[in-house]
């Protein structure tokens, strides 16, 4: 994590039924090699713009948009703010809480789980 100068280790083999692991193994040549190295935010955003164009998307994709979407999905799937904080490399939990918009479906799911007959 460049901004906070902390290492963020994400066990990608646990994500999405190991599909990211299969993709990464295809491109990494040696053990311990960094996946993305020192790519700038500007370079990654330029690549995302090209990918969006090739995919026929009308949105201007950014790395930040991807982080936000990932964090929101993980929170929606029930991961705690503390876990998402670690994945994103945030030093302050309040920064992570910005990503957690409460959605109507999340409220419905939470209310259905309440045991009202206690």
PDB file of N, CA and C in Angstrom:
ATOM      1  N   UNK A   1       0.857  -1.154   0.000  1.00  0.00           N
ATOM      2  CA  UNK A   1       0.000   0.000   0.000  1.00  0.00           C
ATOM      3  C   UNK A   1       0.908   1.221   0.000  1.00  0.00           C
ATOM      4  N   UNK A   2       0.981   1.898  -1.099  1.00  0.00           N
ATOM      5  CA  UNK A   2       1.896   3.024  -1.254  1.00  0.00           C
ATOM      6  C   UNK A   2       1.525   4.183  -0.339  1.00  0.00           C
ATOM      7  N   UNK A   3       0.266   4.517  -0.293  1.00  0.00           N
ATOM      8  CA  UNK A   3      -0.191   5.691   0.442  1.00  0.00           C
ATOM      9  C   UNK A   3       0.097   5.585   1.947  1.00  0.00           C
ATOM     10  N   UNK A   4      -0.179   4.418   2.542  1.00  0.00           N
ATOM     11  CA  UNK A   4       0.019   4.242   3.984  1.00  0.00           C
ATOM     12  C   UNK A   4       1.351   3.576   4.313  1.00  0.00           C
ATOM     13  N   UNK A   5       2.121   3.242   3.290  1.00  0.00           N
ATOM     14  CA  UNK A   5       3.424   2.598   3.459  1.00  0.00           C
ATOM     15  C   UNK A   5       3.317   1.319   4.304  1.00  0.00           C
ATOM     16  N   UNK A   6       2.269   0.531   4.030  1.00  0.00           N
ATOM     17  CA  UNK A   6       2.085  -0.742   4.724  1.00  0.00           C
ATOM     18  C   UNK A   6       1.936  -1.852   3.687  1.00  0.00           C
ATOM     19  N   UNK A   7       2.391  -3.028   4.050  1.00  0.00           N
ATOM     20  CA  UNK A   7       2.210  -4.184   3.189  1.00  0.00           C
ATOM     21  C   UNK A   7       0.806  -4.732   3.368  1.00  0.00           C
ATOM     22  N   UNK A   8       0.156  -5.035   2.262  1.00  0.00           N
ATOM     23  CA  UNK A   8      -1.171  -5.643   2.291  1.00  0.00           C
ATOM     24  C   UNK A   8      -1.056  -6.968   1.562  1.00  0.00           C
ATOM     25  N   UNK A   9      -1.236  -8.035   2.299  1.00  0.00           N
ATOM     26  CA  UNK A   9      -1.163  -9.369   1.714  1.00  0.00           C
ATOM     27  C   UNK A   9      -2.561  -9.944   1.646  1.00  0.00           C
ATOM     28  N   UNK A  10      -3.004 -10.226   0.426  1.00  0.00           N
ATOM     29  CA  UNK A  10      -4.349 -10.767   0.215  1.00  0.00           C
ATOM     30  C   UNK A  10      -4.210 -12.183  -0.323  1.00  0.00           C
ATOM     31  N   UNK A  11      -4.719 -13.168   0.411  1.00  0.00           N
ATOM     32  CA  UNK A  11      -4.648 -14.554  -0.075  1.00  0.00           C
ATOM     33  C   UNK A  11      -5.633 -14.769  -1.225  1.00  0.00           C
ATOM     34  N   UNK A  12      -5.184 -14.439  -2.442  1.00  0.00           N
ATOM     35  CA  UNK A  12      -6.103 -14.467  -3.581  1.00  0.00           C
ATOM     36  C   UNK A  12      -6.637 -15.861  -3.868  1.00  0.00           C
ATOM     37  N   UNK A  13      -5.957 -16.879  -3.387  1.00  0.00           N
ATOM     38  CA  UNK A  13      -6.442 -18.230  -3.632  1.00  0.00           C
ATOM     39  C   UNK A  13      -7.782 -18.479  -2.927  1.00  0.00           C
ATOM     40  N   UNK A  14      -8.146 -17.619  -1.978  1.00  0.00           N
ATOM     41  CA  UNK A  14      -9.426 -17.772  -1.290  1.00  0.00           C
ATOM     42  C   UNK A  14     -10.562 -17.019  -1.971  1.00  0.00           C
ATOM     43  N   UNK A  15     -10.247 -16.267  -3.009  1.00  0.00           N
ATOM     44  CA  UNK A  15     -11.247 -15.441  -3.673  1.00  0.00           C
ATOM     45  C   UNK A  15     -11.803 -16.107  -4.932  1.00  0.00           C
ATOM     46  N   UNK A  16     -13.069 -15.965  -5.172  1.00  0.00           N
ATOM     47  CA  UNK A  16     -13.716 -16.327  -6.433  1.00  0.00           C
ATOM     48  C   UNK A  16     -13.363 -17.731  -6.925  1.00  0.00           C
ATOM     49  N   UNK A  17     -13.454 -18.699  -6.034  1.00  0.00           N
ATOM     50  CA  UNK A  17     -13.205 -20.103  -6.384  1.00  0.00           C
ATOM     51  C   UNK A  17     -11.854 -20.330  -7.055  1.00  0.00           C
ATOM     52  N   UNK A  18     -10.851 -19.604  -6.597  1.00  0.00           N
ATOM     53  CA  UNK A  18      -9.451 -19.758  -7.028  1.00  0.00           C
ATOM     54  C   UNK A  18      -9.182 -19.260  -8.453  1.00  0.00           C
ATOM     55  N   UNK A  19     -10.127 -18.620  -9.092  1.00  0.00           N
ATOM     56  CA  UNK A  19      -9.894 -18.142 -10.461  1.00  0.00           C
ATOM     57  C   UNK A  19      -8.781 -17.093 -10.544  1.00  0.00           C
ATOM     58  N   UNK A  20      -8.717 -16.101  -9.616  1.00  0.00           N
ATOM     59  CA  UNK A  20      -7.595 -15.148  -9.690  1.00  0.00           C
ATOM     60  C   UNK A  20      -6.238 -15.838  -9.562  1.00  0.00           C
ATOM     61  N   UNK A  21      -6.177 -16.873  -8.723  1.00  0.00           N
ATOM     62  CA  UNK A  21      -4.926 -17.610  -8.555  1.00  0.00           C
ATOM     63  C   UNK A  21      -4.487 -18.233  -9.883  1.00  0.00           C
ATOM     64  N   UNK A  22      -5.428 -18.790 -10.613  1.00  0.00           N
ATOM     65  CA  UNK A  22      -5.115 -19.404 -11.899  1.00  0.00           C
ATOM     66  C   UNK A  22      -4.604 -18.365 -12.893  1.00  0.00           C
ATOM     67  N   UNK A  23      -5.211 -17.185 -12.891  1.00  0.00           N
ATOM     68  CA  UNK A  23      -4.783 -16.118 -13.801  1.00  0.00           C
ATOM     69  C   UNK A  23      -3.393 -15.631 -13.432  1.00  0.00           C
ATOM     70  N   UNK A  24      -3.148 -15.415 -12.141  1.00  0.00           N
ATOM     71  CA  UNK A  24      -1.854 -14.909 -11.683  1.00  0.00           C
ATOM     72  C   UNK A  24      -0.742 -15.906 -12.011  1.00  0.00           C
ATOM     73  N   UNK A  25      -0.990 -17.177 -11.774  1.00  0.00           N
ATOM     74  CA  UNK A  25       0.026 -18.200 -12.054  1.00  0.00           C
ATOM     75  C   UNK A  25       0.433 -18.203 -13.523  1.00  0.00           C
ATOM     76  N   UNK A  26      -0.483 -17.834 -14.369  1.00  0.00           N
ATOM     77  CA  UNK A  26      -0.199 -17.796 -15.807  1.00  0.00           C
ATOM     78  C   UNK A  26       0.850 -16.735 -16.139  1.00  0.00           C
ATOM     79  N   UNK A  27       0.866 -15.623 -15.369  1.00  0.00           N
ATOM     80  CA  UNK A  27       1.730 -14.496 -15.710  1.00  0.00           C
ATOM     81  C   UNK A  27       2.975 -14.346 -14.839  1.00  0.00           C
ATOM     82  N   UNK A  28       2.973 -14.922 -13.635  1.00  0.00           N
ATOM     83  CA  UNK A  28       4.158 -14.826 -12.789  1.00  0.00           C
ATOM     84  C   UNK A  28       5.182 -15.865 -13.220  1.00  0.00           C
ATOM     85  N   UNK A  29       6.413 -15.434 -13.354  1.00  0.00           N
ATOM     86  CA  UNK A  29       7.454 -16.324 -13.854  1.00  0.00           C
ATOM     87  C   UNK A  29       8.249 -17.003 -12.739  1.00  0.00           C
ATOM     88  N   UNK A  30       8.417 -16.315 -11.591  1.00  0.00           N
ATOM     89  CA  UNK A  30       9.207 -16.911 -10.515  1.00  0.00           C
ATOM     90  C   UNK A  30       8.551 -16.672  -9.160  1.00  0.00           C
ATOM     91  N   UNK A  31       8.886 -17.523  -8.206  1.00  0.00           N
ATOM     92  CA  UNK A  31       8.344 -17.446  -6.853  1.00  0.00           C
ATOM     93  C   UNK A  31       8.729 -16.117  -6.197  1.00  0.00           C
ATOM     94  N   UNK A  32       7.782 -15.486  -5.528  1.00  0.00           N
ATOM     95  CA  UNK A  32       8.052 -14.244  -4.815  1.00  0.00           C
ATOM     96  C   UNK A  32       7.984 -12.996  -5.684  1.00  0.00           C
ATOM     97  N   UNK A  33       7.714 -13.160  -6.960  1.00  0.00           N
ATOM     98  CA  UNK A  33       7.616 -12.017  -7.876  1.00  0.00           C
ATOM     99  C   UNK A  33       6.375 -11.202  -7.547  1.00  0.00           C
ATOM    100  N   UNK A  34       6.502  -9.872  -7.583  1.00  0.00           N
ATOM    101  CA  UNK A  34       5.353  -9.013  -7.341  1.00  0.00           C
ATOM    102  C   UNK A  34       4.452  -9.022  -8.560  1.00  0.00           C
ATOM    103  N   UNK A  35       3.165  -9.010  -8.303  1.00  0.00           N
ATOM    104  CA  UNK A  35       2.206  -9.083  -9.395  1.00  0.00           C
ATOM    105  C   UNK A  35       2.124  -7.777 -10.172  1.00  0.00           C
ATOM    106  N   UNK A  36       2.037  -6.655  -9.462  1.00  0.00           N
ATOM    107  CA  UNK A  36       1.849  -5.388 -10.151  1.00  0.00           C
ATOM    108  C   UNK A  36       3.055  -4.463 -10.083  1.00  0.00           C
ATOM    109  N   UNK A  37       4.025  -4.761  -9.247  1.00  0.00           N
ATOM    110  CA  UNK A  37       5.214  -3.922  -9.162  1.00  0.00           C
ATOM    111  C   UNK A  37       4.871  -2.500  -8.777  1.00  0.00           C
ATOM    112  N   UNK A  38       5.479  -1.553  -9.456  1.00  0.00           N
ATOM    113  CA  UNK A  38       5.268  -0.138  -9.137  1.00  0.00           C
ATOM    114  C   UNK A  38       4.459   0.571 -10.216  1.00  0.00           C
ATOM    115  N   UNK A  39       3.302   0.044 -10.524  1.00  0.00           N
ATOM    116  CA  UNK A  39       2.453   0.686 -11.521  1.00  0.00           C
ATOM    117  C   UNK A  39       1.819   1.935 -10.916  1.00  0.00           C
ATOM    118  N   UNK A  40       1.832   3.017 -11.655  1.00  0.00           N
ATOM    119  CA  UNK A  40       1.218   4.247 -11.157  1.00  0.00           C
ATOM    120  C   UNK A  40      -0.296   4.178 -11.307  1.00  0.00           C
ATOM    121  N   UNK A  41      -0.978   4.956 -10.487  1.00  0.00           N
ATOM    122  CA  UNK A  41      -2.428   5.045 -10.557  1.00  0.00           C
ATOM    123  C   UNK A  41      -2.860   5.538 -11.942  1.00  0.00           C
ATOM    124  N   UNK A  42      -2.116   6.490 -12.477  1.00  0.00           N
ATOM    125  CA  UNK A  42      -2.415   7.044 -13.800  1.00  0.00           C
ATOM    126  C   UNK A  42      -2.318   5.964 -14.881  1.00  0.00           C
ATOM    127  N   UNK A  43      -1.287   5.123 -14.809  1.00  0.00           N
ATOM    128  CA  UNK A  43      -1.098   4.060 -15.797  1.00  0.00           C
ATOM    129  C   UNK A  43      -2.240   3.036 -15.701  1.00  0.00           C
ATOM    130  N   UNK A  44      -2.584   2.634 -14.479  1.00  0.00           N
ATOM    131  CA  UNK A  44      -3.655   1.648 -14.290  1.00  0.00           C
ATOM    132  C   UNK A  44      -4.978   2.206 -14.801  1.00  0.00           C
ATOM    133  N   UNK A  45      -5.260   3.469 -14.514  1.00  0.00           N
ATOM    134  CA  UNK A  45      -6.507   4.080 -14.992  1.00  0.00           C
ATOM    135  C   UNK A  45      -6.550   4.152 -16.513  1.00  0.00           C
ATOM    136  N   UNK A  46      -5.399   4.401 -17.132  1.00  0.00           N
ATOM    137  CA  UNK A  46      -5.334   4.426 -18.592  1.00  0.00           C
ATOM    138  C   UNK A  46      -5.647   3.025 -19.154  1.00  0.00           C
ATOM    139  N   UNK A  47      -5.094   1.999 -18.527  1.00  0.00           N
ATOM    140  CA  UNK A  47      -5.370   0.617 -18.957  1.00  0.00           C
ATOM    141  C   UNK A  47      -6.841   0.270 -18.772  1.00  0.00           C
ATOM    142  N   UNK A  48      -7.421   0.683 -17.653  1.00  0.00           N
ATOM    143  CA  UNK A  48      -8.838   0.417 -17.404  1.00  0.00           C
ATOM    144  C   UNK A  48      -9.716   1.117 -18.432  1.00  0.00           C
ATOM    145  N   UNK A  49      -9.318   2.317 -18.833  1.00  0.00           N
ATOM    146  CA  UNK A  49     -10.072   3.042 -19.850  1.00  0.00           C
ATOM    147  C   UNK A  49     -10.066   2.265 -21.170  1.00  0.00           C
ATOM    148  N   UNK A  50      -8.912   1.706 -21.525  1.00  0.00           N
ATOM    149  CA  UNK A  50      -8.809   0.907 -22.752  1.00  0.00           C
ATOM    150  C   UNK A  50      -9.656  -0.359 -22.648  1.00  0.00           C
ATOM    151  N   UNK A  51      -9.602  -1.021 -21.491  1.00  0.00           N
ATOM    152  CA  UNK A  51     -10.396  -2.239 -21.301  1.00  0.00           C
ATOM    153  C   UNK A  51     -11.893  -1.939 -21.378  1.00  0.00           C
ATOM    154  N   UNK A  52     -12.315  -0.819 -20.785  1.00  0.00           N
ATOM    155  CA  UNK A  52     -13.725  -0.439 -20.842  1.00  0.00           C
ATOM    156  C   UNK A  52     -14.149  -0.204 -22.286  1.00  0.00           C
ATOM    157  N   UNK A  53     -13.288   0.455 -23.054  1.00  0.00           N
ATOM    158  CA  UNK A  53     -13.595   0.705 -24.460  1.00  0.00           C
ATOM    159  C   UNK A  53     -13.732  -0.609 -25.219  1.00  0.00           C
ATOM    160  N   UNK A  54     -12.776  -1.526 -25.015  1.00  0.00           N
ATOM    161  CA  UNK A  54     -12.807  -2.823 -25.708  1.00  0.00           C
ATOM    162  C   UNK A  54     -14.037  -3.641 -25.317  1.00  0.00           C
ATOM    163  N   UNK A  55     -14.499  -3.462 -24.081  1.00  0.00           N
ATOM    164  CA  UNK A  55     -15.667  -4.202 -23.608  1.00  0.00           C
ATOM    165  C   UNK A  55     -16.975  -3.507 -23.985  1.00  0.00           C
ATOM    166  N   UNK A  56     -16.871  -2.341 -24.596  1.00  0.00           N
ATOM    167  CA  UNK A  56     -18.067  -1.614 -24.996  1.00  0.00           C
ATOM    168  C   UNK A  56     -18.767  -0.901 -23.852  1.00  0.00           C
ATOM    169  N   UNK A  57     -18.042  -0.659 -22.760  1.00  0.00           N
ATOM    170  CA  UNK A  57     -18.630   0.035 -21.611  1.00  0.00           C
ATOM    171  C   UNK A  57     -18.564   1.541 -21.828  1.00  0.00           C
ATOM    172  N   UNK A  58     -19.586   2.224 -21.390  1.00  0.00           N
ATOM    173  CA  UNK A  58     -19.648   3.682 -21.546  1.00  0.00           C
ATOM    174  C   UNK A  58     -19.097   4.411 -20.324  1.00  0.00           C
ATOM    175  N   UNK A  59     -18.819   3.674 -19.238  1.00  0.00           N
ATOM    176  CA  UNK A  59     -18.325   4.283 -18.001  1.00  0.00           C
ATOM    177  C   UNK A  59     -16.826   4.497 -18.071  1.00  0.00           C
ATOM    178  N   UNK A  60     -16.353   5.527 -17.400  1.00  0.00           N
ATOM    179  CA  UNK A  60     -14.921   5.775 -17.275  1.00  0.00           C
ATOM    180  C   UNK A  60     -14.427   5.042 -16.029  1.00  0.00           C
ATOM    181  N   UNK A  61     -13.917   3.831 -16.198  1.00  0.00           N
ATOM    182  CA  UNK A  61     -13.475   3.025 -15.064  1.00  0.00           C
ATOM    183  C   UNK A  61     -12.197   3.582 -14.468  1.00  0.00           C
ATOM    184  N   UNK A  62     -12.093   3.496 -13.125  1.00  0.00           N
ATOM    185  CA  UNK A  62     -10.876   3.911 -12.430  1.00  0.00           C
ATOM    186  C   UNK A  62     -10.526   2.865 -11.388  1.00  0.00           C
ATOM    187  N   UNK A  63      -9.285   2.893 -10.946  1.00  0.00           N
ATOM    188  CA  UNK A  63      -8.840   1.979  -9.900  1.00  0.00           C
ATOM    189  C   UNK A  63      -9.647   2.222  -8.623  1.00  0.00           C
ATOM    190  N   UNK A  64      -9.891   3.484  -8.303  1.00  0.00           N
ATOM    191  CA  UNK A  64     -10.662   3.816  -7.107  1.00  0.00           C
ATOM    192  C   UNK A  64     -12.071   3.240  -7.192  1.00  0.00           C
ATOM    193  N   UNK A  65     -12.674   3.292  -8.365  1.00  0.00           N
ATOM    194  CA  UNK A  65     -14.004   2.725  -8.559  1.00  0.00           C
ATOM    195  C   UNK A  65     -13.977   1.218  -8.273  1.00  0.00           C
ATOM    196  N   UNK A  66     -12.925   0.546  -8.692  1.00  0.00           N
ATOM    197  CA  UNK A  66     -12.782  -0.881  -8.436  1.00  0.00           C
ATOM    198  C   UNK A  66     -12.642  -1.184  -6.952  1.00  0.00           C
ATOM    199  N   UNK A  67     -11.842  -0.373  -6.253  1.00  0.00           N
ATOM    200  CA  UNK A  67     -11.694  -0.541  -4.799  1.00  0.00           C
ATOM    201  C   UNK A  67     -13.034  -0.341  -4.100  1.00  0.00           C
ATOM    202  N   UNK A  68     -13.746   0.693  -4.509  1.00  0.00           N
ATOM    203  CA  UNK A  68     -15.029   1.003  -3.892  1.00  0.00           C
ATOM    204  C   UNK A  68     -16.027  -0.138  -4.131  1.00  0.00           C
ATOM    205  N   UNK A  69     -16.081  -0.609  -5.370  1.00  0.00           N
ATOM    206  CA  UNK A  69     -17.001  -1.703  -5.706  1.00  0.00           C
ATOM    207  C   UNK A  69     -16.656  -2.961  -4.928  1.00  0.00           C
ATOM    208  N   UNK A  70     -15.366  -3.294  -4.858  1.00  0.00           N
ATOM    209  CA  UNK A  70     -14.936  -4.490  -4.126  1.00  0.00           C
ATOM    210  C   UNK A  70     -15.303  -4.375  -2.655  1.00  0.00           C
ATOM    211  N   UNK A  71     -15.003  -3.239  -2.042  1.00  0.00           N
ATOM    212  CA  UNK A  71     -15.301  -3.045  -0.622  1.00  0.00           C
ATOM    213  C   UNK A  71     -16.798  -3.150  -0.367  1.00  0.00           C
ATOM    214  N   UNK A  72     -17.592  -2.529  -1.207  1.00  0.00           N
ATOM    215  CA  UNK A  72     -19.045  -2.559  -1.039  1.00  0.00           C
ATOM    216  C   UNK A  72     -19.577  -3.983  -1.168  1.00  0.00           C
ATOM    217  N   UNK A  73     -19.084  -4.720  -2.172  1.00  0.00           N
ATOM    218  CA  UNK A  73     -19.529  -6.106  -2.349  1.00  0.00           C
ATOM    219  C   UNK A  73     -19.140  -6.978  -1.159  1.00  0.00           C
ATOM    220  N   UNK A  74     -17.913  -6.817  -0.669  1.00  0.00           N
ATOM    221  CA  UNK A  74     -17.470  -7.618   0.473  1.00  0.00           C
ATOM    222  C   UNK A  74     -18.301  -7.320   1.715  1.00  0.00           C
ATOM    223  N   UNK A  75     -18.608  -6.051   1.933  1.00  0.00           N
ATOM    224  CA  UNK A  75     -19.456  -5.686   3.070  1.00  0.00           C
ATOM    225  C   UNK A  75     -20.866  -6.239   2.893  1.00  0.00           C
ATOM    226  N   UNK A  76     -21.390  -6.170   1.672  1.00  0.00           N
ATOM    227  CA  UNK A  76     -22.719  -6.720   1.389  1.00  0.00           C
ATOM    228  C   UNK A  76     -22.764  -8.226   1.609  1.00  0.00           C
ATOM    229  N   UNK A  77     -21.633  -8.893   1.394  1.00  0.00           N
ATOM    230  CA  UNK A  77     -21.578 -10.344   1.572  1.00  0.00           C
ATOM    231  C   UNK A  77     -21.364 -10.741   3.031  1.00  0.00           C
ATOM    232  N   UNK A  78     -21.230  -9.738   3.893  1.00  0.00           N
ATOM    233  CA  UNK A  78     -21.163 -10.032   5.324  1.00  0.00           C
ATOM    234  C   UNK A  78     -19.798  -9.933   5.966  1.00  0.00           C
ATOM    235  N   UNK A  79     -18.767  -9.547   5.225  1.00  0.00           N
ATOM    236  CA  UNK A  79     -17.472  -9.377   5.858  1.00  0.00           C
ATOM    237  C   UNK A  79     -17.531  -8.185   6.798  1.00  0.00           C
ATOM    238  N   UNK A  80     -16.780  -8.248   7.872  1.00  0.00           N
ATOM    239  CA  UNK A  80     -16.779  -7.158   8.843  1.00  0.00           C
ATOM    240  C   UNK A  80     -15.970  -5.975   8.306  1.00  0.00           C
ATOM    241  N   UNK A  81     -16.238  -4.815   8.864  1.00  0.00           N
ATOM    242  CA  UNK A  81     -15.481  -3.623   8.482  1.00  0.00           C
ATOM    243  C   UNK A  81     -13.995  -3.804   8.779  1.00  0.00           C
ATOM    244  N   UNK A  82     -13.684  -4.526   9.858  1.00  0.00           N
ATOM    245  CA  UNK A  82     -12.280  -4.739  10.227  1.00  0.00           C
ATOM    246  C   UNK A  82     -11.546  -5.561   9.170  1.00  0.00           C
ATOM    247  N   UNK A  83     -12.206  -6.576   8.630  1.00  0.00           N
ATOM    248  CA  UNK A  83     -11.581  -7.402   7.589  1.00  0.00           C
ATOM    249  C   UNK A  83     -11.402  -6.584   6.312  1.00  0.00           C
ATOM    250  N   UNK A  84     -12.430  -5.855   5.911  1.00  0.00           N
ATOM    251  CA  UNK A  84     -12.334  -5.026   4.703  1.00  0.00           C
ATOM    252  C   UNK A  84     -11.272  -3.941   4.899  1.00  0.00           C
ATOM    253  N   UNK A  85     -11.159  -3.415   6.114  1.00  0.00           N
ATOM    254  CA  UNK A  85     -10.124  -2.435   6.426  1.00  0.00           C
ATOM    255  C   UNK A  85      -8.743  -3.015   6.146  1.00  0.00           C
ATOM    256  N   UNK A  86      -8.499  -4.250   6.567  1.00  0.00           N
ATOM    257  CA  UNK A  86      -7.214  -4.895   6.330  1.00  0.00           C
ATOM    258  C   UNK A  86      -6.962  -5.109   4.847  1.00  0.00           C
ATOM    259  N   UNK A  87      -7.971  -5.552   4.119  1.00  0.00           N
ATOM    260  CA  UNK A  87      -7.831  -5.800   2.686  1.00  0.00           C
ATOM    261  C   UNK A  87      -7.495  -4.508   1.949  1.00  0.00           C
ATOM    262  N   UNK A  88      -8.152  -3.408   2.323  1.00  0.00           N
ATOM    263  CA  UNK A  88      -7.915  -2.132   1.655  1.00  0.00           C
ATOM    264  C   UNK A  88      -6.659  -1.431   2.155  1.00  0.00           C
ATOM    265  N   UNK A  89      -6.128  -1.875   3.297  1.00  0.00           N
ATOM    266  CA  UNK A  89      -4.917  -1.262   3.834  1.00  0.00           C
ATOM    267  C   UNK A  89      -5.166   0.050   4.547  1.00  0.00           C
ATOM    268  N   UNK A  90      -6.376   0.250   5.038  1.00  0.00           N
ATOM    269  CA  UNK A  90      -6.686   1.487   5.762  1.00  0.00           C
ATOM    270  C   UNK A  90      -6.130   1.423   7.179  1.00  0.00           C
ATOM    271  N   UNK A  91      -5.601   2.526   7.655  1.00  0.00           N
ATOM    272  CA  UNK A  91      -5.110   2.578   9.033  1.00  0.00           C
ATOM    273  C   UNK A  91      -6.215   3.000   9.996  1.00  0.00           C
ATOM    274  N   UNK A  92      -7.259   3.659   9.487  1.00  0.00           N
ATOM    275  CA  UNK A  92      -8.356   4.132  10.315  1.00  0.00           C
ATOM    276  C   UNK A  92      -9.664   3.489   9.835  1.00  0.00           C
ATOM    277  N   UNK A  93     -10.402   2.894  10.756  1.00  0.00           N
ATOM    278  CA  UNK A  93     -11.649   2.207  10.409  1.00  0.00           C
ATOM    279  C   UNK A  93     -12.672   3.169   9.804  1.00  0.00           C
ATOM    280  N   UNK A  94     -12.607   4.443  10.169  1.00  0.00           N
ATOM    281  CA  UNK A  94     -13.562   5.420   9.625  1.00  0.00           C
ATOM    282  C   UNK A  94     -13.400   5.572   8.114  1.00  0.00           C
ATOM    283  N   UNK A  95     -12.188   5.413   7.639  1.00  0.00           N
ATOM    284  CA  UNK A  95     -11.958   5.475   6.192  1.00  0.00           C
ATOM    285  C   UNK A  95     -12.696   4.335   5.509  1.00  0.00           C
ATOM    286  N   UNK A  96     -12.657   3.156   6.100  1.00  0.00           N
ATOM    287  CA  UNK A  96     -13.335   1.981   5.538  1.00  0.00           C
ATOM    288  C   UNK A  96     -14.849   2.156   5.595  1.00  0.00           C
ATOM    289  N   UNK A  97     -15.344   2.777   6.644  1.00  0.00           N
ATOM    290  CA  UNK A  97     -16.788   2.931   6.806  1.00  0.00           C
ATOM    291  C   UNK A  97     -17.399   3.794   5.708  1.00  0.00           C
ATOM    292  N   UNK A  98     -16.593   4.623   5.063  1.00  0.00           N
ATOM    293  CA  UNK A  98     -17.080   5.430   3.942  1.00  0.00           C
ATOM    294  C   UNK A  98     -17.573   4.520   2.816  1.00  0.00           C
ATOM    295  N   UNK A  99     -16.914   3.364   2.643  1.00  0.00           N
ATOM    296  CA  UNK A  99     -17.263   2.445   1.563  1.00  0.00           C
ATOM    297  C   UNK A  99     -18.550   1.691   1.837  1.00  0.00           C
ATOM    298  N   UNK A 100     -18.989   1.650   3.073  1.00  0.00           N
ATOM    299  CA  UNK A 100     -20.129   0.807   3.439  1.00  0.00           C
ATOM    300  C   UNK A 100     -21.449   1.525   3.406  1.00  0.00           C
ATOM    301  N   UNK A 101     -21.951   1.767   2.232  1.00  0.00           N
ATOM    302  CA  UNK A 101     -23.273   2.374   2.122  1.00  0.00           C
ATOM    303  C   UNK A 101     -24.316   1.338   2.533  1.00  0.00           C
ATOM    304  N   UNK A 102     -25.209   1.745   3.393  1.00  0.00           N
ATOM    305  CA  UNK A 102     -26.283   0.836   3.790  1.00  0.00           C
ATOM    306  C   UNK A 102     -27.321   0.834   2.683  1.00  0.00           C
ATOM    307  N   UNK A 103     -27.573  -0.334   2.164  1.00  0.00           N
ATOM    308  CA  UNK A 103     -28.541  -0.464   1.078  1.00  0.00           C
ATOM    309  C   UNK A 103     -29.829  -1.063   1.601  1.00  0.00           C
ATOM    310  N   UNK A 104     -30.888  -0.849   0.853  1.00  0.00           N
ATOM    311  CA  UNK A 104     -32.192  -1.365   1.257  1.00  0.00           C
ATOM    312  C   UNK A 104     -32.157  -2.870   1.438  1.00  0.00           C
ATOM    313  N   UNK A 105     -31.473  -3.567   0.538  1.00  0.00           N
ATOM    314  CA  UNK A 105     -31.426  -5.032   0.626  1.00  0.00           C
ATOM    315  C   UNK A 105     -30.662  -5.478   1.870  1.00  0.00           C
ATOM    316  N   UNK A 106     -29.618  -4.741   2.245  1.00  0.00           N
ATOM    317  CA  UNK A 106     -28.864  -5.087   3.445  1.00  0.00           C
ATOM    318  C   UNK A 106     -29.724  -4.911   4.685  1.00  0.00           C
ATOM    319  N   UNK A 107     -30.549  -3.866   4.694  1.00  0.00           N
ATOM    320  CA  UNK A 107     -31.453  -3.633   5.817  1.00  0.00           C
ATOM    321  C   UNK A 107     -32.482  -4.754   5.892  1.00  0.00           C
ATOM    322  N   UNK A 108     -33.068  -5.119   4.747  1.00  0.00           N
ATOM    323  CA  UNK A 108     -34.052  -6.209   4.726  1.00  0.00           C
ATOM    324  C   UNK A 108     -33.444  -7.518   5.229  1.00  0.00           C
ATOM    325  N   UNK A 109     -32.228  -7.813   4.767  1.00  0.00           N
ATOM    326  CA  UNK A 109     -31.545  -9.054   5.163  1.00  0.00           C
ATOM    327  C   UNK A 109     -31.301  -9.066   6.673  1.00  0.00           C
ATOM    328  N   UNK A 110     -30.863  -7.937   7.199  1.00  0.00           N
ATOM    329  CA  UNK A 110     -30.593  -7.851   8.631  1.00  0.00           C
ATOM    330  C   UNK A 110     -31.870  -8.012   9.441  1.00  0.00           C
ATOM    331  N   UNK A 111     -32.950  -7.381   9.002  1.00  0.00           N
ATOM    332  CA  UNK A 111     -34.213  -7.477   9.728  1.00  0.00           C
ATOM    333  C   UNK A 111     -34.803  -8.882   9.689  1.00  0.00           C
ATOM    334  N   UNK A 112     -34.632  -9.581   8.590  1.00  0.00           N
ATOM    335  CA  UNK A 112     -35.125 -10.961   8.475  1.00  0.00           C
ATOM    336  C   UNK A 112     -34.397 -11.881   9.449  1.00  0.00           C
ATOM    337  N   UNK A 113     -33.141 -11.551   9.758  1.00  0.00           N
ATOM    338  CA  UNK A 113     -32.346 -12.392  10.642  1.00  0.00           C
ATOM    339  C   UNK A 113     -32.676 -12.198  12.118  1.00  0.00           C
ATOM    340  N   UNK A 114     -33.408 -11.129  12.449  1.00  0.00           N
ATOM    341  CA  UNK A 114     -33.748 -10.841  13.844  1.00  0.00           C
ATOM    342  C   UNK A 114     -34.770 -11.863  14.342  1.00  0.00           C
ATOM    343  N   UNK A 115     -34.541 -12.373  15.549  1.00  0.00           N
ATOM    344  CA  UNK A 115     -35.465 -13.319  16.170  1.00  0.00           C
ATOM    345  C   UNK A 115     -36.433 -12.522  17.035  1.00  0.00           C
ATOM    346  N   UNK A 116     -37.601 -12.209  16.497  1.00  0.00           N
ATOM    347  CA  UNK A 116     -38.559 -11.351  17.193  1.00  0.00           C
ATOM    348  C   UNK A 116     -39.320 -12.071  18.288  1.00  0.00           C
ATOM    349  N   UNK A 117     -39.320 -13.388  18.322  1.00  0.00           N
ATOM    350  CA  UNK A 117     -40.143 -14.130  19.270  1.00  0.00           C
ATOM    351  C   UNK A 117     -39.384 -14.541  20.537  1.00  0.00           C
ATOM    352  N   UNK A 118     -38.386 -13.837  20.911  1.00  0.00           N
ATOM    353  CA  UNK A 118     -37.614 -14.184  22.118  1.00  0.00           C
ATOM    354  C   UNK A 118     -38.340 -13.786  23.361  1.00  0.00           C
TER     355      UNK A 118
END
